[in-house]
Amino acid sequence: MDTNLNRDTTKNRTPNLENSTPVVISRTFNAPVEQVWKVWANADLMQQWWGPENYTSPSAKIDFRVGGKSLLAMKDSIGAVVWSGGVYKEIIPFKKIVTTDHFADEKGHVIPASEVGMTGDWPLECLITVEFSSPVKGQTKMTITHKGIPQEMHDDCVDGWNSSINKLQKLVEHH
């Protein structure tokens, strides 16, 4: 069995995502769905909102197509950088994005959550689904479902996503 965690071993493995309660967050923006979609599909725009409000994103690389990869960095106020990566599994323009999510080194190789100081029983790979709808013309409802978060990290993940979405909201509503 291959125990080398410093290379991508996720392509032939199904993550165990059933042992945790998914993080589900919905937010409605006063912006058209095309504008909200764009901040997920464009690396320069994603870099402006990725990570909680006390973090910056020094790097965002996105190959936005099914099978394409992402590699995103979050940097905290003392300079610590946490990398995450993923593979896009499904993209339905202006409706849905499904991507894997894993902790990574700066080259995108999968690493266990413990290597970045995360506690809990994390799978090597989580799953993020982002769904978009337009309940009213000029508005977008976005729902994020993040599967695989350990129960003891659930509330922190909710807080982190909400903080990131606050930045996303400022970007799409004032752009």
Protein backbone atom coordinates (compact mmCIF):
# COMPACT_ATOMS: atom_id res chain seq x y z
CA MET A 1 0.00 0.00 0.00
CA ASP A 2 1.24 3.47 -0.90
CA THR A 3 1.70 5.51 2.26
CA ASN A 4 3.34 8.49 0.55
CA LEU A 5 1.00 11.37 1.43
CA ASN A 6 3.13 13.94 -0.40
CA ARG A 7 1.70 13.11 -3.79
CA ASP A 8 -1.83 13.10 -5.14
CA THR A 9 -3.30 9.73 -4.29
CA THR A 10 -6.93 10.89 -4.29
CA LYS A 11 -7.92 10.08 -7.86
CA ASN A 12 -8.63 6.40 -7.19
CA ARG A 13 -10.04 6.83 -3.70
CA THR A 14 -13.54 7.76 -2.60
CA PRO A 15 -13.42 9.97 0.48
CA ASN A 16 -15.28 8.83 3.57
CA LEU A 17 -17.63 11.78 4.02
CA GLU A 18 -20.49 10.06 5.83
CA ASN A 19 -19.02 10.26 9.35
CA SER A 20 -19.71 13.97 9.80
CA THR A 21 -22.50 16.52 9.58
CA PRO A 22 -22.05 18.64 6.46
CA VAL A 23 -21.52 22.35 6.80
CA VAL A 24 -24.34 24.03 4.87
CA ILE A 25 -24.43 27.80 4.42
CA SER A 26 -26.81 29.84 2.26
CA ARG A 27 -26.54 33.52 1.50
CA THR A 28 -28.46 35.81 -0.84
CA PHE A 29 -26.58 38.58 -2.64
CA ASN A 30 -27.84 41.72 -4.34
CA ALA A 31 -25.92 40.81 -7.46
CA PRO A 32 -26.75 38.80 -10.59
CA VAL A 33 -25.79 35.12 -10.65
CA GLU A 34 -23.20 35.77 -13.40
CA GLN A 35 -21.32 38.12 -11.07
CA VAL A 36 -21.37 35.71 -8.11
CA TRP A 37 -20.35 32.81 -10.38
CA LYS A 38 -17.38 34.79 -11.70
CA VAL A 39 -15.77 35.13 -8.24
CA TRP A 40 -15.57 31.32 -8.08
CA ALA A 41 -14.37 30.86 -11.65
CA ASN A 42 -11.67 33.55 -11.82
CA ALA A 43 -8.46 33.15 -9.80
CA ASP A 44 -7.79 36.90 -9.50
CA LEU A 45 -11.27 37.48 -8.07
CA MET A 46 -11.12 34.43 -5.81
CA GLN A 47 -7.86 35.70 -4.38
CA GLN A 48 -9.71 38.84 -3.23
CA TRP A 49 -12.15 36.93 -1.00
CA TRP A 50 -10.70 33.49 -0.23
CA GLY A 51 -10.20 32.95 3.49
CA PRO A 52 -11.73 34.50 6.59
CA GLU A 53 -11.70 38.26 7.07
CA ASN A 54 -8.43 38.30 9.05
CA TYR A 55 -6.68 36.35 6.27
CA THR A 56 -5.33 37.26 2.84
CA SER A 57 -4.88 34.99 -0.15
CA PRO A 58 -1.34 35.37 -1.47
CA SER A 59 -1.94 32.81 -4.24
CA ALA A 60 -4.89 31.37 -6.16
CA LYS A 61 -4.49 29.06 -9.13
CA ILE A 62 -7.59 27.72 -10.85
CA ASP A 63 -8.02 25.50 -13.90
CA PHE A 64 -11.80 25.96 -13.96
CA ARG A 65 -13.00 22.93 -15.92
CA VAL A 66 -14.15 19.44 -15.00
CA GLY A 67 -10.94 17.59 -14.12
CA GLY A 68 -9.08 20.87 -13.58
CA LYS A 69 -7.35 21.63 -10.30
CA SER A 70 -7.31 24.50 -7.85
CA LEU A 71 -4.56 25.51 -5.44
CA LEU A 72 -5.40 28.26 -2.97
CA ALA A 73 -3.45 29.86 -0.12
CA MET A 74 -4.73 31.55 3.04
CA LYS A 75 -2.31 33.67 5.08
CA ASP A 76 -3.10 34.71 8.65
CA SER A 77 -2.07 37.95 10.37
CA ILE A 78 1.19 36.47 11.70
CA GLY A 79 2.23 35.14 8.29
CA ALA A 80 1.30 31.45 8.54
CA VAL A 81 0.08 30.11 5.19
CA VAL A 82 -2.34 27.20 4.77
CA TRP A 83 -2.74 25.71 1.29
CA SER A 84 -5.75 23.84 -0.03
CA GLY A 85 -6.33 22.12 -3.32
CA GLY A 86 -9.03 20.32 -5.18
CA VAL A 87 -10.26 18.84 -8.42
CA TYR A 88 -13.40 20.10 -10.15
CA LYS A 89 -15.83 17.18 -10.47
CA GLU A 90 -18.89 18.95 -11.90
CA ILE A 91 -19.48 22.41 -13.36
CA ILE A 92 -22.93 23.48 -14.55
CA PRO A 93 -22.53 27.14 -15.57
CA PHE A 94 -24.38 29.56 -13.26
CA LYS A 95 -25.98 26.61 -11.39
CA LYS A 96 -23.47 24.33 -9.65
CA ILE A 97 -19.80 23.69 -8.86
CA VAL A 98 -18.63 20.44 -7.22
CA THR A 99 -14.99 20.19 -6.20
CA THR A 100 -12.90 18.04 -3.92
CA ASP A 101 -11.06 19.84 -1.13
CA HIS A 102 -7.87 18.84 0.63
CA PHE A 103 -5.06 20.37 2.63
CA ALA A 104 -1.98 20.71 0.45
CA ASP A 105 1.61 21.77 0.34
CA GLU A 106 2.55 24.75 -1.84
CA LYS A 107 2.85 22.43 -4.87
CA GLY A 108 -0.66 21.04 -4.44
CA HIS A 109 0.27 17.64 -3.02
CA VAL A 110 -2.26 16.24 -0.56
CA ILE A 111 -1.19 16.41 3.08
CA PRO A 112 -3.06 15.34 6.22
CA ALA A 113 -4.86 18.09 8.16
CA SER A 114 -2.63 17.40 11.17
CA GLU A 115 0.35 18.79 9.22
CA VAL A 116 -1.28 22.24 9.24
CA GLY A 117 -2.26 22.00 12.91
CA MET A 118 -5.90 20.97 12.40
CA THR A 119 -7.45 18.76 15.06
CA GLY A 120 -10.05 16.09 14.47
CA ASP A 121 -10.47 13.05 12.26
CA TRP A 122 -10.25 14.67 8.82
CA PRO A 123 -10.48 12.60 5.64
CA LEU A 124 -7.66 13.29 3.21
CA GLU A 125 -10.30 14.72 0.88
CA CYS A 126 -13.55 16.60 1.54
CA LEU A 127 -16.22 17.63 -0.95
CA ILE A 128 -17.58 21.13 -1.61
CA THR A 129 -20.77 21.76 -3.59
CA VAL A 130 -21.75 25.33 -4.44
CA GLU A 131 -25.23 25.87 -5.86
CA PHE A 132 -26.54 29.09 -7.38
CA SER A 133 -30.09 30.25 -8.06
CA SER A 134 -31.76 33.54 -8.83
CA PRO A 135 -34.87 33.86 -6.64
CA VAL A 136 -35.42 37.46 -7.78
CA LYS A 137 -33.99 39.21 -10.83
CA GLY A 138 -30.69 40.80 -9.85
CA GLN A 139 -30.24 38.59 -6.78
CA THR A 140 -28.34 35.35 -6.28
CA LYS A 141 -28.85 32.70 -3.65
CA MET A 142 -25.66 30.70 -3.10
CA THR A 143 -25.61 27.53 -1.00
CA ILE A 144 -22.32 25.91 0.00
CA THR A 145 -22.30 22.31 1.27
CA HIS A 146 -18.93 21.18 2.66
CA LYS A 147 -18.78 17.47 3.49
CA GLY A 148 -16.07 15.75 5.52
CA ILE A 149 -15.52 18.31 8.28
CA PRO A 150 -14.91 16.60 11.65
CA GLN A 151 -17.65 17.30 14.19
CA GLU A 152 -15.27 19.12 16.55
CA MET A 153 -14.32 21.51 13.70
CA HIS A 154 -17.88 22.04 12.39
CA ASP A 155 -18.55 25.38 14.12
CA ASP A 156 -15.09 26.73 13.24
CA CYS A 157 -15.71 25.80 9.61
CA VAL A 158 -19.12 27.55 9.66
CA ASP A 159 -17.46 30.65 11.10
CA GLY A 160 -14.65 30.52 8.52
CA TRP A 161 -17.02 30.12 5.58
CA ASN A 162 -19.31 32.91 6.82
CA SER A 163 -16.35 35.23 7.25
CA SER A 164 -15.08 34.40 3.74
CA ILE A 165 -18.56 34.89 2.31
CA ASN A 166 -18.69 38.33 3.96
CA LYS A 167 -15.67 39.26 1.83
CA LEU A 168 -17.25 37.65 -1.25
CA GLN A 169 -20.44 39.63 -0.63
CA LYS A 170 -18.57 42.95 -0.45
CA LEU A 171 -16.80 42.08 -3.68
CA VAL A 172 -19.91 41.17 -5.70
CA GLU A 173 -22.19 43.87 -4.30
CA HIS A 174 -19.70 46.72 -4.70
CA HIS A 175 -17.93 45.65 -7.90
